Amino acid sequence: MFDFCPHCGQTLEHEQVPGRMLVCAHCGQDIGFVGAVARTAVDEANELIRAGSAARCPSCQQLVEIRPSGDARKFVPHYAGAVRKICPGSGKLVAAETPAPATEPPRGKDLRALMTRDVHKVIFCAKNSDPRIDVLTLDYLDKSERVRIQIEALREMLGADFQMREYPPTFKKPHLAIWQSAEACVVAARHDRGGFQSIADGEIAGVVEDLRSNRSLFFS
């Protein structure tokens, strides 16, 4: 299932039917085929909550590992959102409504072992600055969260209002796309299920040169 449109960043509120192409009601672009929701990661998350070794952080709403602290339990330090910033909920006490387990939580359940980590090389360029290579490390527990977390990363880089555009046709690189706001843009490879993926190492230099020598095509 898709939470956000990878083209315009708007929240998707209309019905998603498994097996059908999903079209954004805001920008009208195809998003991708809707698949059945994968339950494996969700079931594992619920198991960790029941066991008392993890809980939802009230600050960032992520599933976070918790550890004993005297007679209480605290959230371990963790990042908020897709860009690496420490969540203000790190080190905070777990709310009383999350009951402590009667026995010690089972060992061997490390949330990090359940996380999927994607590393993407993208090109970021502010309107009046040289382009630079950014490496985004995005972690998610549930694979259905991939596009939403990518949208959050783009919002932190570009601001709340951005749109996806075709890469300038003159360069004949249809596998690339531009996510652009008024003051900056991000160039990355398209993903066939929505969102983006890393630019191949061999074409990074070419993309940087495209931006340097033809800036008006990227900020039209």
N, C-alpha and C. Protein backbone atom coordinates (compact mmCIF):
# COMPACT_ATOMS: atom_id res chain seq x y z
N MET A 1 0.84 -1.19 0.00
CA MET A 1 0.00 0.00 0.00
C MET A 1 0.89 1.26 0.00
N PHE A 2 0.38 2.33 -0.59
CA PHE A 2 1.13 3.59 -0.68
C PHE A 2 0.47 4.63 0.23
N ASP A 3 1.28 5.35 1.02
CA ASP A 3 0.78 6.40 1.89
C ASP A 3 0.87 7.77 1.24
N PHE A 4 1.93 7.98 0.43
CA PHE A 4 2.18 9.28 -0.18
C PHE A 4 2.42 9.11 -1.67
N CYS A 5 2.07 10.14 -2.44
CA CYS A 5 2.38 10.15 -3.87
C CYS A 5 3.86 10.49 -4.04
N PRO A 6 4.66 9.65 -4.74
CA PRO A 6 6.08 9.95 -4.92
C PRO A 6 6.32 11.09 -5.89
N HIS A 7 5.29 11.53 -6.62
CA HIS A 7 5.44 12.61 -7.59
C HIS A 7 5.21 13.98 -6.98
N CYS A 8 4.09 14.13 -6.22
CA CYS A 8 3.75 15.45 -5.68
C CYS A 8 3.86 15.51 -4.16
N GLY A 9 4.03 14.34 -3.49
CA GLY A 9 4.21 14.32 -2.04
C GLY A 9 2.92 14.42 -1.25
N GLN A 10 1.76 14.43 -1.92
CA GLN A 10 0.49 14.56 -1.20
C GLN A 10 0.07 13.23 -0.57
N THR A 11 -0.64 13.31 0.57
CA THR A 11 -1.15 12.11 1.23
C THR A 11 -2.25 11.47 0.38
N LEU A 12 -2.21 10.14 0.27
CA LEU A 12 -3.22 9.42 -0.51
C LEU A 12 -4.34 8.99 0.41
N GLU A 13 -5.55 9.43 0.11
CA GLU A 13 -6.69 9.14 0.98
C GLU A 13 -7.74 8.27 0.30
N HIS A 14 -7.62 8.05 -1.02
CA HIS A 14 -8.64 7.27 -1.70
C HIS A 14 -8.32 5.78 -1.60
N GLU A 15 -9.30 4.95 -1.95
CA GLU A 15 -9.20 3.50 -1.78
C GLU A 15 -8.11 2.93 -2.67
N GLN A 16 -7.37 1.96 -2.14
CA GLN A 16 -6.33 1.28 -2.90
C GLN A 16 -6.72 -0.18 -3.05
N VAL A 17 -6.93 -0.62 -4.27
CA VAL A 17 -7.39 -1.99 -4.55
C VAL A 17 -6.21 -2.83 -4.98
N PRO A 18 -5.88 -3.91 -4.23
CA PRO A 18 -4.76 -4.77 -4.60
C PRO A 18 -4.87 -5.25 -6.05
N GLY A 19 -3.74 -5.18 -6.78
CA GLY A 19 -3.70 -5.65 -8.15
C GLY A 19 -4.04 -4.61 -9.19
N ARG A 20 -4.47 -3.40 -8.78
CA ARG A 20 -4.81 -2.34 -9.71
C ARG A 20 -3.78 -1.21 -9.67
N MET A 21 -3.65 -0.51 -10.80
CA MET A 21 -2.77 0.65 -10.87
C MET A 21 -3.36 1.78 -10.03
N LEU A 22 -2.55 2.35 -9.15
CA LEU A 22 -2.99 3.47 -8.32
C LEU A 22 -2.60 4.78 -9.00
N VAL A 23 -3.59 5.67 -9.18
CA VAL A 23 -3.37 6.97 -9.80
C VAL A 23 -3.62 8.06 -8.76
N CYS A 24 -2.70 9.02 -8.64
CA CYS A 24 -2.83 10.08 -7.66
C CYS A 24 -4.00 11.00 -8.03
N ALA A 25 -4.89 11.25 -7.07
CA ALA A 25 -6.03 12.13 -7.30
C ALA A 25 -5.62 13.60 -7.33
N HIS A 26 -4.40 13.90 -6.85
CA HIS A 26 -3.95 15.29 -6.79
C HIS A 26 -3.25 15.72 -8.08
N CYS A 27 -2.27 14.90 -8.56
CA CYS A 27 -1.50 15.28 -9.74
C CYS A 27 -1.83 14.45 -10.97
N GLY A 28 -2.59 13.35 -10.79
CA GLY A 28 -3.02 12.54 -11.91
C GLY A 28 -2.00 11.57 -12.46
N GLN A 29 -0.84 11.43 -11.80
CA GLN A 29 0.19 10.54 -12.32
C GLN A 29 0.06 9.14 -11.74
N ASP A 30 0.52 8.13 -12.53
CA ASP A 30 0.50 6.75 -12.07
C ASP A 30 1.53 6.58 -10.95
N ILE A 31 1.13 5.88 -9.90
CA ILE A 31 2.02 5.64 -8.76
C ILE A 31 2.59 4.24 -8.79
N GLY A 32 1.77 3.25 -9.13
CA GLY A 32 2.24 1.87 -9.18
C GLY A 32 1.11 0.91 -8.87
N PHE A 33 1.39 -0.37 -9.05
CA PHE A 33 0.38 -1.38 -8.75
C PHE A 33 0.34 -1.62 -7.24
N VAL A 34 -0.87 -1.72 -6.72
CA VAL A 34 -1.07 -1.93 -5.30
C VAL A 34 -0.91 -3.41 -5.01
N GLY A 35 -0.05 -3.75 -4.08
CA GLY A 35 0.13 -5.14 -3.69
C GLY A 35 -0.54 -5.42 -2.36
N ALA A 36 -0.59 -6.69 -2.00
CA ALA A 36 -1.15 -7.06 -0.71
C ALA A 36 -0.19 -6.62 0.39
N VAL A 37 -0.73 -6.19 1.52
CA VAL A 37 0.10 -5.73 2.63
C VAL A 37 0.87 -6.91 3.21
N ALA A 38 2.17 -6.73 3.34
CA ALA A 38 3.00 -7.78 3.95
C ALA A 38 2.81 -7.76 5.45
N ARG A 39 2.42 -8.88 6.02
CA ARG A 39 2.10 -8.93 7.43
C ARG A 39 3.27 -9.38 8.29
N THR A 40 4.31 -9.93 7.69
CA THR A 40 5.38 -10.53 8.50
C THR A 40 6.01 -9.52 9.44
N ALA A 41 6.42 -8.37 8.92
CA ALA A 41 7.08 -7.36 9.76
C ALA A 41 6.12 -6.80 10.80
N VAL A 42 4.84 -6.64 10.41
CA VAL A 42 3.85 -6.14 11.36
C VAL A 42 3.67 -7.10 12.52
N ASP A 43 3.58 -8.40 12.21
CA ASP A 43 3.42 -9.41 13.26
C ASP A 43 4.63 -9.44 14.18
N GLU A 44 5.83 -9.30 13.62
CA GLU A 44 7.04 -9.28 14.45
C GLU A 44 7.05 -8.06 15.36
N ALA A 45 6.58 -6.92 14.83
CA ALA A 45 6.52 -5.71 15.64
C ALA A 45 5.57 -5.89 16.81
N ASN A 46 4.40 -6.47 16.55
CA ASN A 46 3.43 -6.71 17.63
C ASN A 46 3.99 -7.66 18.67
N GLU A 47 4.76 -8.64 18.22
CA GLU A 47 5.37 -9.59 19.16
C GLU A 47 6.35 -8.89 20.09
N LEU A 48 7.13 -7.94 19.54
CA LEU A 48 8.10 -7.20 20.35
C LEU A 48 7.39 -6.31 21.37
N ILE A 49 6.26 -5.72 20.96
CA ILE A 49 5.50 -4.89 21.90
C ILE A 49 4.92 -5.74 23.02
N ARG A 50 4.34 -6.88 22.67
CA ARG A 50 3.76 -7.78 23.70
C ARG A 50 4.84 -8.28 24.66
N ALA A 51 6.04 -8.52 24.11
CA ALA A 51 7.13 -9.03 24.96
C ALA A 51 7.70 -7.95 25.87
N GLY A 52 7.40 -6.69 25.58
CA GLY A 52 7.91 -5.61 26.41
C GLY A 52 9.31 -5.15 26.05
N SER A 53 9.82 -5.55 24.87
CA SER A 53 11.16 -5.14 24.48
C SER A 53 11.14 -3.96 23.51
N ALA A 54 9.94 -3.50 23.12
CA ALA A 54 9.83 -2.34 22.24
C ALA A 54 8.49 -1.66 22.48
N ALA A 55 8.40 -0.39 22.08
CA ALA A 55 7.16 0.38 22.21
C ALA A 55 7.17 1.50 21.18
N ARG A 56 6.01 2.07 20.92
CA ARG A 56 5.90 3.20 20.01
C ARG A 56 6.35 4.48 20.71
N CYS A 57 7.31 5.18 20.12
CA CYS A 57 7.77 6.44 20.68
C CYS A 57 6.69 7.51 20.45
N PRO A 58 6.23 8.21 21.50
CA PRO A 58 5.19 9.23 21.31
C PRO A 58 5.65 10.44 20.50
N SER A 59 6.96 10.64 20.38
CA SER A 59 7.47 11.79 19.64
C SER A 59 7.52 11.55 18.14
N CYS A 60 7.99 10.36 17.72
CA CYS A 60 8.16 10.08 16.29
C CYS A 60 7.28 8.96 15.77
N GLN A 61 6.57 8.26 16.68
CA GLN A 61 5.65 7.17 16.33
C GLN A 61 6.35 5.95 15.72
N GLN A 62 7.66 5.86 15.86
CA GLN A 62 8.36 4.67 15.39
C GLN A 62 8.37 3.61 16.48
N LEU A 63 8.54 2.35 16.06
CA LEU A 63 8.73 1.28 17.01
C LEU A 63 10.18 1.32 17.48
N VAL A 64 10.39 1.49 18.79
CA VAL A 64 11.73 1.73 19.32
C VAL A 64 12.03 0.75 20.44
N GLU A 65 13.26 0.28 20.49
CA GLU A 65 13.70 -0.62 21.56
C GLU A 65 13.66 0.11 22.90
N ILE A 66 13.25 -0.60 23.97
CA ILE A 66 13.24 -0.02 25.30
C ILE A 66 14.11 -0.87 26.23
N ARG A 67 14.71 -0.20 27.22
CA ARG A 67 15.62 -0.89 28.13
C ARG A 67 15.31 -0.50 29.57
N PRO A 68 15.57 -1.39 30.53
CA PRO A 68 15.31 -1.07 31.93
C PRO A 68 16.18 0.08 32.41
N SER A 69 15.60 0.91 33.31
CA SER A 69 16.33 2.01 33.95
C SER A 69 15.82 2.11 35.38
N GLY A 70 16.48 1.38 36.28
CA GLY A 70 15.97 1.29 37.65
C GLY A 70 14.66 0.53 37.66
N ASP A 71 13.62 1.14 38.23
CA ASP A 71 12.31 0.51 38.26
C ASP A 71 11.47 0.87 37.04
N ALA A 72 12.02 1.68 36.15
CA ALA A 72 11.27 2.12 34.96
C ALA A 72 11.95 1.59 33.71
N ARG A 73 11.42 2.00 32.57
CA ARG A 73 12.01 1.64 31.29
C ARG A 73 12.07 2.88 30.41
N LYS A 74 13.14 2.97 29.59
CA LYS A 74 13.33 4.15 28.75
C LYS A 74 13.54 3.74 27.29
N PHE A 75 13.20 4.67 26.39
CA PHE A 75 13.48 4.46 24.98
C PHE A 75 14.98 4.63 24.74
N VAL A 76 15.57 3.74 23.94
CA VAL A 76 16.98 3.88 23.60
C VAL A 76 17.12 5.08 22.66
N PRO A 77 18.32 5.68 22.58
CA PRO A 77 18.52 6.78 21.62
C PRO A 77 18.22 6.31 20.20
N HIS A 78 17.48 7.12 19.45
CA HIS A 78 17.09 6.75 18.09
C HIS A 78 16.89 8.01 17.26
N TYR A 79 16.80 7.81 15.96
CA TYR A 79 16.65 8.93 15.03
C TYR A 79 15.18 9.16 14.70
N ALA A 80 14.82 10.43 14.46
CA ALA A 80 13.46 10.79 14.06
C ALA A 80 13.45 11.10 12.57
N GLY A 81 12.51 10.48 11.85
CA GLY A 81 12.39 10.75 10.42
C GLY A 81 13.49 10.08 9.63
N ALA A 82 13.54 10.39 8.34
CA ALA A 82 14.47 9.73 7.45
C ALA A 82 15.88 10.32 7.52
N VAL A 83 15.98 11.61 7.80
CA VAL A 83 17.29 12.24 7.93
C VAL A 83 17.77 12.06 9.36
N ARG A 84 19.08 11.86 9.54
CA ARG A 84 19.62 11.41 10.81
C ARG A 84 19.62 12.51 11.87
N LYS A 85 18.51 12.67 12.57
CA LYS A 85 18.40 13.61 13.68
C LYS A 85 17.89 12.85 14.91
N ILE A 86 18.53 13.09 16.05
CA ILE A 86 18.13 12.40 17.26
C ILE A 86 16.71 12.80 17.64
N CYS A 87 15.87 11.80 17.90
CA CYS A 87 14.48 12.05 18.29
C CYS A 87 14.43 12.60 19.72
N PRO A 88 13.59 13.60 19.99
CA PRO A 88 13.48 14.12 21.36
C PRO A 88 12.94 13.09 22.35
N GLY A 89 12.38 11.99 21.84
CA GLY A 89 11.88 10.94 22.73
C GLY A 89 12.97 10.01 23.22
N SER A 90 14.20 10.15 22.70
CA SER A 90 15.31 9.30 23.13
C SER A 90 15.56 9.48 24.63
N GLY A 91 15.68 8.37 25.34
CA GLY A 91 15.97 8.42 26.77
C GLY A 91 14.77 8.74 27.64
N LYS A 92 13.62 9.02 27.04
CA LYS A 92 12.42 9.33 27.83
C LYS A 92 11.83 8.05 28.41
N LEU A 93 11.11 8.21 29.53
CA LEU A 93 10.46 7.06 30.15
C LEU A 93 9.32 6.58 29.28
N VAL A 94 9.12 5.27 29.25
CA VAL A 94 8.00 4.69 28.53
C VAL A 94 6.73 4.98 29.31
N ALA A 95 5.67 5.37 28.62
CA ALA A 95 4.41 5.74 29.27
C ALA A 95 3.87 4.60 30.12
N ALA A 96 3.19 4.97 31.19
CA ALA A 96 2.70 3.97 32.14
C ALA A 96 1.71 3.01 31.53
N GLU A 97 0.98 3.45 30.46
CA GLU A 97 -0.02 2.56 29.88
C GLU A 97 0.60 1.39 29.13
N THR A 98 1.95 1.44 28.90
CA THR A 98 2.62 0.29 28.33
C THR A 98 3.15 -0.56 29.48
N PRO A 99 2.46 -1.63 29.87
CA PRO A 99 2.83 -2.36 31.08
C PRO A 99 4.18 -3.05 30.96
N ALA A 100 4.92 -3.01 32.04
CA ALA A 100 6.20 -3.71 32.08
C ALA A 100 5.96 -5.21 32.15
N PRO A 101 6.79 -6.02 31.48
CA PRO A 101 6.58 -7.47 31.52
C PRO A 101 6.87 -8.03 32.91
N ALA A 102 6.19 -9.11 33.26
CA ALA A 102 6.38 -9.73 34.56
C ALA A 102 7.75 -10.38 34.67
N THR A 103 8.28 -10.80 33.54
CA THR A 103 9.60 -11.43 33.52
C THR A 103 10.50 -10.64 32.59
N GLU A 104 11.79 -10.94 32.64
CA GLU A 104 12.75 -10.24 31.80
C GLU A 104 12.44 -10.51 30.34
N PRO A 105 12.45 -9.48 29.49
CA PRO A 105 12.17 -9.68 28.07
C PRO A 105 13.13 -10.70 27.46
N PRO A 106 12.65 -11.51 26.53
CA PRO A 106 13.52 -12.51 25.91
C PRO A 106 14.68 -11.86 25.18
N ARG A 107 15.83 -12.47 25.30
CA ARG A 107 17.03 -11.95 24.64
C ARG A 107 17.04 -12.38 23.17
N GLY A 108 17.83 -11.70 22.40
CA GLY A 108 18.00 -12.09 21.01
C GLY A 108 17.09 -11.36 20.04
N LYS A 109 16.13 -10.57 20.53
CA LYS A 109 15.25 -9.81 19.66
C LYS A 109 15.80 -8.39 19.53
N ASP A 110 16.61 -8.16 18.54
CA ASP A 110 17.20 -6.86 18.31
C ASP A 110 16.46 -6.21 17.15
N LEU A 111 15.86 -5.04 17.42
CA LEU A 111 15.11 -4.35 16.37
C LEU A 111 15.96 -4.09 15.13
N ARG A 112 17.24 -3.84 15.34
CA ARG A 112 18.09 -3.55 14.20
C ARG A 112 18.17 -4.72 13.24
N ALA A 113 18.02 -5.94 13.76
CA ALA A 113 18.06 -7.12 12.90
C ALA A 113 16.83 -7.21 12.00
N LEU A 114 15.76 -6.52 12.39
CA LEU A 114 14.52 -6.55 11.61
C LEU A 114 14.43 -5.38 10.63
N MET A 115 15.30 -4.39 10.81
CA MET A 115 15.22 -3.20 9.97
C MET A 115 15.79 -3.47 8.57
N THR A 116 15.18 -2.86 7.58
CA THR A 116 15.73 -2.84 6.23
C THR A 116 16.44 -1.50 6.05
N ARG A 117 17.66 -1.53 5.58
CA ARG A 117 18.45 -0.31 5.40
C ARG A 117 18.74 -0.11 3.93
N ASP A 118 18.35 1.04 3.40
CA ASP A 118 18.65 1.41 2.03
C ASP A 118 19.61 2.58 2.03
N VAL A 119 20.66 2.49 1.22
CA VAL A 119 21.61 3.57 1.06
C VAL A 119 21.51 4.08 -0.37
N HIS A 120 21.20 5.37 -0.53
CA HIS A 120 20.98 5.96 -1.85
C HIS A 120 21.95 7.12 -2.08
N LYS A 121 22.59 7.14 -3.25
CA LYS A 121 23.37 8.29 -3.68
C LYS A 121 22.50 9.14 -4.59
N VAL A 122 22.26 10.38 -4.18
CA VAL A 122 21.46 11.31 -4.97
C VAL A 122 22.25 12.60 -5.15
N ILE A 123 21.80 13.45 -6.06
CA ILE A 123 22.43 14.74 -6.28
C ILE A 123 21.49 15.83 -5.76
N PHE A 124 22.00 16.64 -4.84
CA PHE A 124 21.23 17.78 -4.32
C PHE A 124 21.83 19.06 -4.89
N CYS A 125 20.96 19.99 -5.31
CA CYS A 125 21.46 21.25 -5.84
C CYS A 125 20.53 22.39 -5.43
N ALA A 126 21.06 23.34 -4.67
CA ALA A 126 20.31 24.57 -4.37
C ALA A 126 20.39 25.48 -5.58
N LYS A 127 19.42 26.37 -5.71
CA LYS A 127 19.28 27.18 -6.92
C LYS A 127 20.52 28.00 -7.21
N ASN A 128 21.19 28.49 -6.18
CA ASN A 128 22.34 29.38 -6.38
C ASN A 128 23.64 28.78 -5.86
N SER A 129 23.72 27.44 -5.83
CA SER A 129 24.92 26.77 -5.34
C SER A 129 25.30 25.63 -6.27
N ASP A 130 26.54 25.15 -6.11
CA ASP A 130 26.98 24.00 -6.89
C ASP A 130 26.28 22.73 -6.44
N PRO A 131 26.04 21.78 -7.34
CA PRO A 131 25.46 20.50 -6.94
C PRO A 131 26.41 19.71 -6.06
N ARG A 132 25.85 18.87 -5.22
CA ARG A 132 26.67 18.03 -4.35
C ARG A 132 26.07 16.63 -4.31
N ILE A 133 26.89 15.66 -3.97
CA ILE A 133 26.44 14.28 -3.81
C ILE A 133 26.01 14.07 -2.37
N ASP A 134 24.78 13.64 -2.16
CA ASP A 134 24.28 13.31 -0.83
C ASP A 134 24.06 11.80 -0.74
N VAL A 135 24.45 11.22 0.38
CA VAL A 135 24.21 9.80 0.63
C VAL A 135 23.13 9.70 1.71
N LEU A 136 21.98 9.17 1.35
CA LEU A 136 20.86 9.03 2.28
C LEU A 136 20.80 7.59 2.79
N THR A 137 20.84 7.43 4.09
CA THR A 137 20.69 6.11 4.71
C THR A 137 19.31 6.07 5.35
N LEU A 138 18.43 5.26 4.80
CA LEU A 138 17.04 5.20 5.24
C LEU A 138 16.75 3.83 5.84
N ASP A 139 16.27 3.82 7.07
CA ASP A 139 15.94 2.58 7.77
C ASP A 139 14.43 2.48 7.94
N TYR A 140 13.87 1.30 7.75
CA TYR A 140 12.45 1.09 8.00
C TYR A 140 12.21 -0.35 8.44
N LEU A 141 11.22 -0.51 9.30
CA LEU A 141 10.90 -1.83 9.83
C LEU A 141 9.96 -2.58 8.92
N ASP A 142 9.06 -1.86 8.27
CA ASP A 142 8.06 -2.46 7.40
C ASP A 142 8.33 -1.98 5.97
N LYS A 143 8.45 -2.90 5.01
CA LYS A 143 8.77 -2.53 3.63
C LYS A 143 7.73 -1.60 3.02
N SER A 144 6.49 -1.66 3.51
CA SER A 144 5.45 -0.79 2.97
C SER A 144 5.70 0.67 3.34
N GLU A 145 6.66 0.93 4.26
CA GLU A 145 6.98 2.28 4.69
C GLU A 145 8.03 2.95 3.80
N ARG A 146 8.58 2.23 2.81
CA ARG A 146 9.71 2.74 2.04
C ARG A 146 9.41 4.08 1.37
N VAL A 147 8.30 4.17 0.63
CA VAL A 147 8.00 5.40 -0.10
C VAL A 147 7.71 6.54 0.87
N ARG A 148 6.98 6.26 1.97
CA ARG A 148 6.67 7.32 2.93
C ARG A 148 7.94 7.89 3.54
N ILE A 149 8.89 7.03 3.89
CA ILE A 149 10.14 7.49 4.50
C ILE A 149 10.97 8.27 3.49
N GLN A 150 10.94 7.85 2.21
CA GLN A 150 11.64 8.62 1.19
C GLN A 150 11.02 10.01 1.03
N ILE A 151 9.69 10.09 1.07
CA ILE A 151 9.02 11.39 0.98
C ILE A 151 9.43 12.28 2.15
N GLU A 152 9.53 11.72 3.35
CA GLU A 152 9.95 12.49 4.52
C GLU A 152 11.37 13.02 4.32
N ALA A 153 12.25 12.19 3.75
CA ALA A 153 13.63 12.63 3.51
C ALA A 153 13.66 13.78 2.51
N LEU A 154 12.85 13.69 1.46
CA LEU A 154 12.81 14.76 0.47
C LEU A 154 12.25 16.04 1.07
N ARG A 155 11.26 15.93 1.95
CA ARG A 155 10.69 17.11 2.59
C ARG A 155 11.72 17.82 3.47
N GLU A 156 12.57 17.03 4.13
CA GLU A 156 13.59 17.65 4.97
C GLU A 156 14.64 18.37 4.12
N MET A 157 14.85 17.89 2.89
CA MET A 157 15.85 18.48 2.01
C MET A 157 15.29 19.65 1.20
N LEU A 158 14.02 19.55 0.81
CA LEU A 158 13.44 20.51 -0.14
C LEU A 158 12.36 21.39 0.45
N GLY A 159 11.86 21.04 1.65
CA GLY A 159 10.72 21.76 2.20
C GLY A 159 9.43 21.01 1.92
N ALA A 160 8.33 21.54 2.42
CA ALA A 160 7.05 20.83 2.34
C ALA A 160 6.51 20.74 0.92
N ASP A 161 6.76 21.74 0.09
CA ASP A 161 6.19 21.80 -1.26
C ASP A 161 7.24 21.47 -2.31
N PHE A 162 7.10 20.30 -2.91
CA PHE A 162 7.98 19.94 -4.02
C PHE A 162 7.19 19.05 -4.98
N GLN A 163 7.69 18.94 -6.19
CA GLN A 163 7.05 18.12 -7.20
C GLN A 163 8.10 17.30 -7.94
N MET A 164 7.64 16.14 -8.43
CA MET A 164 8.52 15.31 -9.26
C MET A 164 8.39 15.76 -10.72
N ARG A 165 9.53 15.89 -11.42
CA ARG A 165 9.56 16.28 -12.82
C ARG A 165 10.40 15.27 -13.61
N GLU A 166 10.14 15.25 -14.92
CA GLU A 166 10.98 14.45 -15.81
C GLU A 166 12.38 15.05 -15.85
N TYR A 167 13.39 14.20 -15.99
CA TYR A 167 14.75 14.69 -16.24
C TYR A 167 14.74 15.34 -17.63
N PRO A 168 15.43 16.48 -17.84
CA PRO A 168 15.39 17.16 -19.13
C PRO A 168 15.61 16.21 -20.30
N PRO A 169 14.66 16.08 -21.23
CA PRO A 169 14.74 15.10 -22.32
C PRO A 169 15.98 15.25 -23.19
N THR A 170 16.53 16.45 -23.25
CA THR A 170 17.70 16.67 -24.11
C THR A 170 18.88 15.79 -23.72
N PHE A 171 18.92 15.33 -22.45
CA PHE A 171 20.04 14.51 -21.98
C PHE A 171 19.81 13.01 -22.19
N LYS A 172 18.58 12.63 -22.58
CA LYS A 172 18.24 11.23 -22.88
C LYS A 172 18.58 10.30 -21.70
N LYS A 173 18.06 10.67 -20.53
CA LYS A 173 18.23 9.84 -19.33
C LYS A 173 16.86 9.64 -18.67
N PRO A 174 15.94 8.93 -19.35
CA PRO A 174 14.57 8.81 -18.84
C PRO A 174 14.45 8.01 -17.55
N HIS A 175 15.51 7.29 -17.18
CA HIS A 175 15.47 6.51 -15.94
C HIS A 175 15.70 7.40 -14.72
N LEU A 176 16.07 8.67 -14.94
CA LEU A 176 16.28 9.61 -13.84
C LEU A 176 15.06 10.52 -13.70
N ALA A 177 14.94 11.17 -12.56
CA ALA A 177 13.86 12.13 -12.32
C ALA A 177 14.36 13.23 -11.40
N ILE A 178 13.60 14.32 -11.37
CA ILE A 178 13.94 15.47 -10.54
C ILE A 178 12.81 15.70 -9.54
N TRP A 179 13.16 15.87 -8.27
CA TRP A 179 12.21 16.29 -7.24
C TRP A 179 12.58 17.74 -6.91
N GLN A 180 11.70 18.68 -7.24
CA GLN A 180 12.08 20.08 -7.23
C GLN A 180 11.14 20.93 -6.39
N SER A 181 11.73 21.86 -5.63
CA SER A 181 10.99 22.92 -4.94
C SER A 181 11.42 24.25 -5.58
N ALA A 182 10.98 25.35 -5.02
CA ALA A 182 11.31 26.65 -5.61
C ALA A 182 12.80 26.96 -5.50
N GLU A 183 13.48 26.45 -4.48
CA GLU A 183 14.86 26.85 -4.21
C GLU A 183 15.89 25.75 -4.38
N ALA A 184 15.47 24.49 -4.59
CA ALA A 184 16.44 23.40 -4.67
C ALA A 184 15.82 22.23 -5.41
N CYS A 185 16.68 21.27 -5.76
CA CYS A 185 16.17 20.06 -6.39
C CYS A 185 17.04 18.87 -5.99
N VAL A 186 16.47 17.68 -6.13
CA VAL A 186 17.18 16.42 -5.90
C VAL A 186 17.03 15.58 -7.15
N VAL A 187 18.12 15.04 -7.64
CA VAL A 187 18.09 14.14 -8.80
C VAL A 187 18.42 12.74 -8.32
N ALA A 188 17.60 11.77 -8.73
CA ALA A 188 17.81 10.37 -8.35
C ALA A 188 17.24 9.50 -9.46
N ALA A 189 17.54 8.21 -9.37
CA ALA A 189 16.96 7.25 -10.32
C ALA A 189 15.53 6.92 -9.88
N ARG A 190 14.67 6.67 -10.84
CA ARG A 190 13.30 6.27 -10.52
C ARG A 190 13.29 4.86 -9.95
N HIS A 191 12.27 4.56 -9.15
CA HIS A 191 12.01 3.20 -8.69
C HIS A 191 10.72 2.75 -9.33
N ASP A 192 10.68 1.51 -9.85
CA ASP A 192 9.50 1.07 -10.60
C ASP A 192 8.27 0.88 -9.72
N ARG A 193 8.43 0.94 -8.39
CA ARG A 193 7.28 0.86 -7.49
C ARG A 193 7.06 2.17 -6.75
N GLY A 194 7.55 3.25 -7.32
CA GLY A 194 7.38 4.57 -6.71
C GLY A 194 8.58 4.96 -5.89
N GLY A 195 8.77 6.27 -5.73
CA GLY A 195 9.92 6.75 -4.99
C GLY A 195 11.18 6.75 -5.84
N PHE A 196 12.32 6.72 -5.17
CA PHE A 196 13.59 6.82 -5.90
C PHE A 196 14.55 5.74 -5.48
N GLN A 197 15.66 5.64 -6.20
CA GLN A 197 16.76 4.75 -5.83
C GLN A 197 18.07 5.42 -6.22
N SER A 198 19.17 4.80 -5.86
CA SER A 198 20.48 5.41 -6.01
C SER A 198 20.85 5.60 -7.48
N ILE A 199 21.53 6.71 -7.75
CA ILE A 199 22.11 6.93 -9.07
C ILE A 199 23.35 6.04 -9.20
N ALA A 200 23.52 5.42 -10.34
CA ALA A 200 24.70 4.57 -10.56
C ALA A 200 25.98 5.41 -10.47
N ASP A 201 27.00 4.84 -9.86
CA ASP A 201 28.26 5.57 -9.68
C ASP A 201 28.81 6.11 -11.00
N GLY A 202 28.65 5.33 -12.07
CA GLY A 202 29.25 5.71 -13.34
C GLY A 202 28.61 6.92 -14.00
N GLU A 203 27.40 7.33 -13.56
CA GLU A 203 26.77 8.48 -14.20
C GLU A 203 26.61 9.68 -13.27
N ILE A 204 27.13 9.59 -12.06
CA ILE A 204 27.04 10.72 -11.13
C ILE A 204 27.73 11.95 -11.69
N ALA A 205 28.95 11.76 -12.22
CA ALA A 205 29.71 12.91 -12.75
C ALA A 205 28.94 13.58 -13.89
N GLY A 206 28.29 12.78 -14.74
CA GLY A 206 27.52 13.34 -15.84
C GLY A 206 26.34 14.15 -15.38
N VAL A 207 25.66 13.69 -14.33
CA VAL A 207 24.51 14.42 -13.79
C VAL A 207 24.98 15.74 -13.18
N VAL A 208 26.09 15.71 -12.46
CA VAL A 208 26.63 16.94 -11.87
C VAL A 208 26.96 17.95 -12.97
N GLU A 209 27.55 17.47 -14.06
CA GLU A 209 27.89 18.37 -15.17
C GLU A 209 26.64 18.93 -15.84
N ASP A 210 25.59 18.08 -15.97
CA ASP A 210 24.32 18.56 -16.53
C ASP A 210 23.79 19.73 -15.71
N LEU A 211 23.83 19.59 -14.39
CA LEU A 211 23.32 20.64 -13.51
C LEU A 211 24.17 21.91 -13.59
N ARG A 212 25.48 21.76 -13.66
CA ARG A 212 26.36 22.93 -13.69
C ARG A 212 26.22 23.72 -14.99
N SER A 213 26.11 23.01 -16.10
CA SER A 213 26.14 23.68 -17.40
C SER A 213 24.77 24.03 -17.95
N ASN A 214 23.71 23.46 -17.37
CA ASN A 214 22.36 23.71 -17.89
C ASN A 214 21.38 23.94 -16.74
N ARG A 215 21.76 24.78 -15.81
CA ARG A 215 20.97 24.99 -14.59
C ARG A 215 19.53 25.42 -14.90
N SER A 216 19.33 26.20 -15.93
CA SER A 216 17.98 26.70 -16.23
C SER A 216 17.01 25.59 -16.56
N LEU A 217 17.51 24.45 -17.08
CA LEU A 217 16.63 23.34 -17.42
C LEU A 217 16.11 22.63 -16.17
N PHE A 218 16.82 22.77 -15.07
CA PHE A 218 16.43 22.10 -13.82
C PHE A 218 15.61 23.01 -12.92
N PHE A 219 15.59 24.31 -13.17
CA PHE A 219 14.84 25.24 -12.34
C PHE A 219 13.91 26.11 -13.19
N SER A 220 13.30 25.48 -14.20
CA SER A 220 12.40 26.23 -15.09
C SER A 220 11.05 26.45 -14.41
